[in-house]
Amino acid sequence: MKKRFIAGAVCPRCSEMDKIVMYEKDEINYRECVECGYEDEMPVAGLAHEIATRVTEKSAAPEASEQVLNFVDPSKD
């Protein structure tokens, strides 16, 4: 089970910042405070898809389309 910290999140119980992790168990999303042990189910509505970062696997990110670049030499005008 992968647990990921939610940057800037504040625990509703102990008010500590950056102590909340999010994880999925049995296709249900949960959040948990690693400081005080608070845990609840996260609402599914509004959760975005996984974005590509240096930390996430490339397979978790949506496929990027290829783009053709044309280089122009301004000295040849």
N, C-alpha and C. Protein backbone atom coordinates (compact mmCIF):
# COMPACT_ATOMS: atom_id res chain seq x y z
N MET A 1 0.85 -1.17 0.00
CA MET A 1 0.00 0.00 0.00
C MET A 1 0.90 1.24 0.00
N LYS A 2 0.73 2.10 -1.02
CA LYS A 2 1.50 3.34 -1.11
C LYS A 2 0.80 4.44 -0.33
N LYS A 3 1.54 5.07 0.57
CA LYS A 3 1.01 6.23 1.29
C LYS A 3 1.77 7.44 0.80
N ARG A 4 1.04 8.52 0.50
CA ARG A 4 1.65 9.73 -0.03
C ARG A 4 1.27 10.92 0.85
N PHE A 5 2.26 11.74 1.18
CA PHE A 5 1.99 12.94 1.95
C PHE A 5 1.26 13.96 1.10
N ILE A 6 0.33 14.70 1.71
CA ILE A 6 -0.39 15.77 1.04
C ILE A 6 0.24 17.08 1.51
N ALA A 7 0.97 17.74 0.63
CA ALA A 7 1.69 18.96 0.99
C ALA A 7 0.72 20.06 1.42
N GLY A 8 1.01 20.67 2.55
CA GLY A 8 0.21 21.78 3.05
C GLY A 8 -1.05 21.40 3.77
N ALA A 9 -1.36 20.11 3.84
CA ALA A 9 -2.59 19.67 4.51
C ALA A 9 -2.44 19.80 6.03
N VAL A 10 -3.52 20.20 6.69
CA VAL A 10 -3.53 20.38 8.14
C VAL A 10 -4.47 19.34 8.74
N CYS A 11 -4.02 18.67 9.78
CA CYS A 11 -4.83 17.65 10.44
C CYS A 11 -6.02 18.31 11.15
N PRO A 12 -7.24 17.80 10.94
CA PRO A 12 -8.41 18.37 11.60
C PRO A 12 -8.42 18.14 13.12
N ARG A 13 -7.68 17.16 13.60
CA ARG A 13 -7.67 16.87 15.04
C ARG A 13 -6.56 17.61 15.77
N CYS A 14 -5.30 17.45 15.34
CA CYS A 14 -4.17 18.03 16.08
C CYS A 14 -3.63 19.33 15.47
N SER A 15 -4.15 19.73 14.30
CA SER A 15 -3.77 20.97 13.61
C SER A 15 -2.32 21.01 13.16
N GLU A 16 -1.65 19.87 13.10
CA GLU A 16 -0.27 19.83 12.59
C GLU A 16 -0.30 19.87 11.06
N MET A 17 0.62 20.63 10.46
CA MET A 17 0.71 20.74 9.01
C MET A 17 1.72 19.74 8.47
N ASP A 18 1.45 19.24 7.27
CA ASP A 18 2.33 18.30 6.56
C ASP A 18 2.50 16.97 7.28
N LYS A 19 1.48 16.51 7.97
CA LYS A 19 1.51 15.21 8.65
C LYS A 19 0.45 14.26 8.09
N ILE A 20 -0.30 14.70 7.06
CA ILE A 20 -1.38 13.91 6.50
C ILE A 20 -0.88 13.09 5.31
N VAL A 21 -1.18 11.80 5.33
CA VAL A 21 -0.89 10.93 4.19
C VAL A 21 -2.20 10.45 3.59
N MET A 22 -2.19 10.17 2.30
CA MET A 22 -3.35 9.64 1.61
C MET A 22 -2.99 8.27 1.06
N TYR A 23 -3.93 7.35 1.14
CA TYR A 23 -3.70 6.03 0.58
C TYR A 23 -5.02 5.41 0.17
N GLU A 24 -4.95 4.34 -0.63
CA GLU A 24 -6.14 3.64 -1.10
C GLU A 24 -6.13 2.23 -0.55
N LYS A 25 -7.29 1.81 -0.04
CA LYS A 25 -7.45 0.45 0.48
C LYS A 25 -8.82 -0.04 0.06
N ASP A 26 -8.86 -1.17 -0.62
CA ASP A 26 -10.12 -1.74 -1.13
C ASP A 26 -10.88 -0.73 -1.98
N GLU A 27 -10.16 -0.01 -2.85
CA GLU A 27 -10.71 0.97 -3.77
C GLU A 27 -11.40 2.14 -3.07
N ILE A 28 -11.04 2.41 -1.82
CA ILE A 28 -11.55 3.55 -1.06
C ILE A 28 -10.35 4.38 -0.64
N ASN A 29 -10.43 5.69 -0.84
CA ASN A 29 -9.33 6.60 -0.47
C ASN A 29 -9.48 7.03 0.98
N TYR A 30 -8.35 7.01 1.71
CA TYR A 30 -8.32 7.41 3.11
C TYR A 30 -7.24 8.46 3.30
N ARG A 31 -7.39 9.26 4.37
CA ARG A 31 -6.32 10.15 4.80
C ARG A 31 -6.04 9.84 6.25
N GLU A 32 -4.79 9.98 6.64
CA GLU A 32 -4.37 9.63 8.00
C GLU A 32 -3.29 10.59 8.46
N CYS A 33 -3.36 11.00 9.73
CA CYS A 33 -2.32 11.85 10.31
C CYS A 33 -1.28 10.95 10.96
N VAL A 34 -0.02 11.12 10.56
CA VAL A 34 1.05 10.30 11.12
C VAL A 34 1.45 10.79 12.51
N GLU A 35 0.99 11.98 12.90
CA GLU A 35 1.31 12.54 14.20
C GLU A 35 0.37 12.02 15.30
N CYS A 36 -0.95 12.13 15.08
CA CYS A 36 -1.91 11.78 16.13
C CYS A 36 -2.74 10.53 15.82
N GLY A 37 -2.66 9.99 14.59
CA GLY A 37 -3.38 8.78 14.25
C GLY A 37 -4.78 9.01 13.70
N TYR A 38 -5.21 10.26 13.56
CA TYR A 38 -6.53 10.57 12.99
C TYR A 38 -6.65 9.92 11.61
N GLU A 39 -7.81 9.35 11.31
CA GLU A 39 -8.04 8.70 10.02
C GLU A 39 -9.48 8.87 9.61
N ASP A 40 -9.70 9.17 8.32
CA ASP A 40 -11.06 9.18 7.80
C ASP A 40 -11.03 8.89 6.31
N GLU A 41 -12.23 8.66 5.77
CA GLU A 41 -12.36 8.35 4.35
C GLU A 41 -12.39 9.66 3.57
N MET A 42 -11.64 9.70 2.48
CA MET A 42 -11.61 10.89 1.63
C MET A 42 -12.75 10.80 0.62
N PRO A 43 -13.44 11.90 0.37
CA PRO A 43 -14.47 11.89 -0.67
C PRO A 43 -13.84 11.68 -2.04
N VAL A 44 -14.48 10.88 -2.88
CA VAL A 44 -13.93 10.56 -4.20
C VAL A 44 -14.10 11.73 -5.15
N ALA A 45 -15.19 12.47 -5.05
CA ALA A 45 -15.44 13.59 -5.96
C ALA A 45 -14.35 14.64 -5.80
N GLY A 46 -13.84 15.10 -6.93
CA GLY A 46 -12.84 16.15 -6.93
C GLY A 46 -11.40 15.67 -6.92
N LEU A 47 -11.17 14.38 -6.75
CA LEU A 47 -9.80 13.87 -6.79
C LEU A 47 -9.35 13.79 -8.24
N ALA A 48 -8.23 14.40 -8.52
CA ALA A 48 -7.70 14.43 -9.88
C ALA A 48 -6.89 13.17 -10.16
N HIS A 49 -6.64 12.91 -11.42
CA HIS A 49 -5.80 11.78 -11.79
C HIS A 49 -4.36 12.06 -11.38
N GLU A 50 -3.59 11.04 -11.30
CA GLU A 50 -2.17 11.15 -10.93
C GLU A 50 -1.42 11.94 -11.99
N ILE A 51 -0.67 12.96 -11.57
CA ILE A 51 0.12 13.73 -12.52
C ILE A 51 1.56 13.23 -12.50
N ALA A 52 2.24 13.40 -13.61
CA ALA A 52 3.62 12.93 -13.72
C ALA A 52 4.55 13.86 -12.95
N THR A 53 5.36 13.29 -12.10
CA THR A 53 6.39 14.03 -11.38
C THR A 53 7.66 13.20 -11.43
N ARG A 54 8.72 13.73 -10.83
CA ARG A 54 9.96 12.96 -10.78
C ARG A 54 9.80 11.74 -9.89
N VAL A 55 8.82 11.75 -8.99
CA VAL A 55 8.64 10.68 -8.03
C VAL A 55 7.72 9.58 -8.55
N THR A 56 6.67 9.96 -9.28
CA THR A 56 5.72 8.96 -9.76
C THR A 56 6.27 8.21 -10.96
N GLU A 57 5.74 7.04 -11.15
CA GLU A 57 6.16 6.23 -12.29
C GLU A 57 5.55 6.81 -13.56
N LYS A 58 6.26 6.68 -14.67
CA LYS A 58 5.74 7.20 -15.93
C LYS A 58 4.45 6.50 -16.33
N SER A 59 4.28 5.25 -15.95
CA SER A 59 3.06 4.52 -16.33
C SER A 59 1.83 5.07 -15.63
N ALA A 60 1.99 5.79 -14.52
CA ALA A 60 0.86 6.34 -13.80
C ALA A 60 0.36 7.63 -14.43
N ALA A 61 1.18 8.27 -15.26
CA ALA A 61 0.81 9.53 -15.88
C ALA A 61 0.08 9.28 -17.20
N PRO A 62 -0.82 10.17 -17.58
CA PRO A 62 -1.48 10.00 -18.87
C PRO A 62 -0.47 10.15 -20.01
N GLU A 63 -0.73 9.48 -21.10
CA GLU A 63 0.17 9.51 -22.25
C GLU A 63 0.23 10.92 -22.85
N ALA A 64 1.41 11.38 -23.11
CA ALA A 64 1.59 12.69 -23.76
C ALA A 64 1.62 12.47 -25.27
N SER A 65 1.02 13.40 -25.99
CA SER A 65 1.04 13.29 -27.44
C SER A 65 2.35 13.88 -27.96
N GLU A 66 2.78 13.37 -29.11
CA GLU A 66 4.01 13.86 -29.71
C GLU A 66 3.74 15.18 -30.42
N GLN A 67 4.74 16.05 -30.43
CA GLN A 67 4.60 17.34 -31.07
C GLN A 67 5.81 17.55 -31.97
N VAL A 68 5.56 17.99 -33.21
CA VAL A 68 6.63 18.24 -34.16
C VAL A 68 7.10 19.67 -33.97
N LEU A 69 8.42 19.85 -33.86
CA LEU A 69 9.00 21.18 -33.72
C LEU A 69 9.72 21.54 -35.00
N ASN A 70 9.51 22.74 -35.50
CA ASN A 70 10.21 23.26 -36.68
C ASN A 70 11.14 24.36 -36.21
N PHE A 71 12.43 24.20 -36.49
CA PHE A 71 13.41 25.20 -36.10
C PHE A 71 13.63 26.17 -37.26
N VAL A 72 13.67 27.44 -36.94
CA VAL A 72 13.87 28.48 -37.94
C VAL A 72 15.19 29.17 -37.67
N ASP A 73 15.99 29.35 -38.71
CA ASP A 73 17.27 30.05 -38.60
C ASP A 73 17.04 31.48 -39.02
N PRO A 74 17.04 32.45 -38.08
CA PRO A 74 16.74 33.84 -38.44
C PRO A 74 17.81 34.48 -39.32
N SER A 75 18.98 33.91 -39.39
CA SER A 75 20.05 34.50 -40.22
C SER A 75 19.86 34.19 -41.71
N LYS A 76 18.96 33.30 -42.06
CA LYS A 76 18.75 32.91 -43.48
C LYS A 76 17.65 33.73 -44.15
N ASP A 77 17.09 34.73 -43.50
CA ASP A 77 16.06 35.57 -44.12
C ASP A 77 16.62 36.63 -44.99
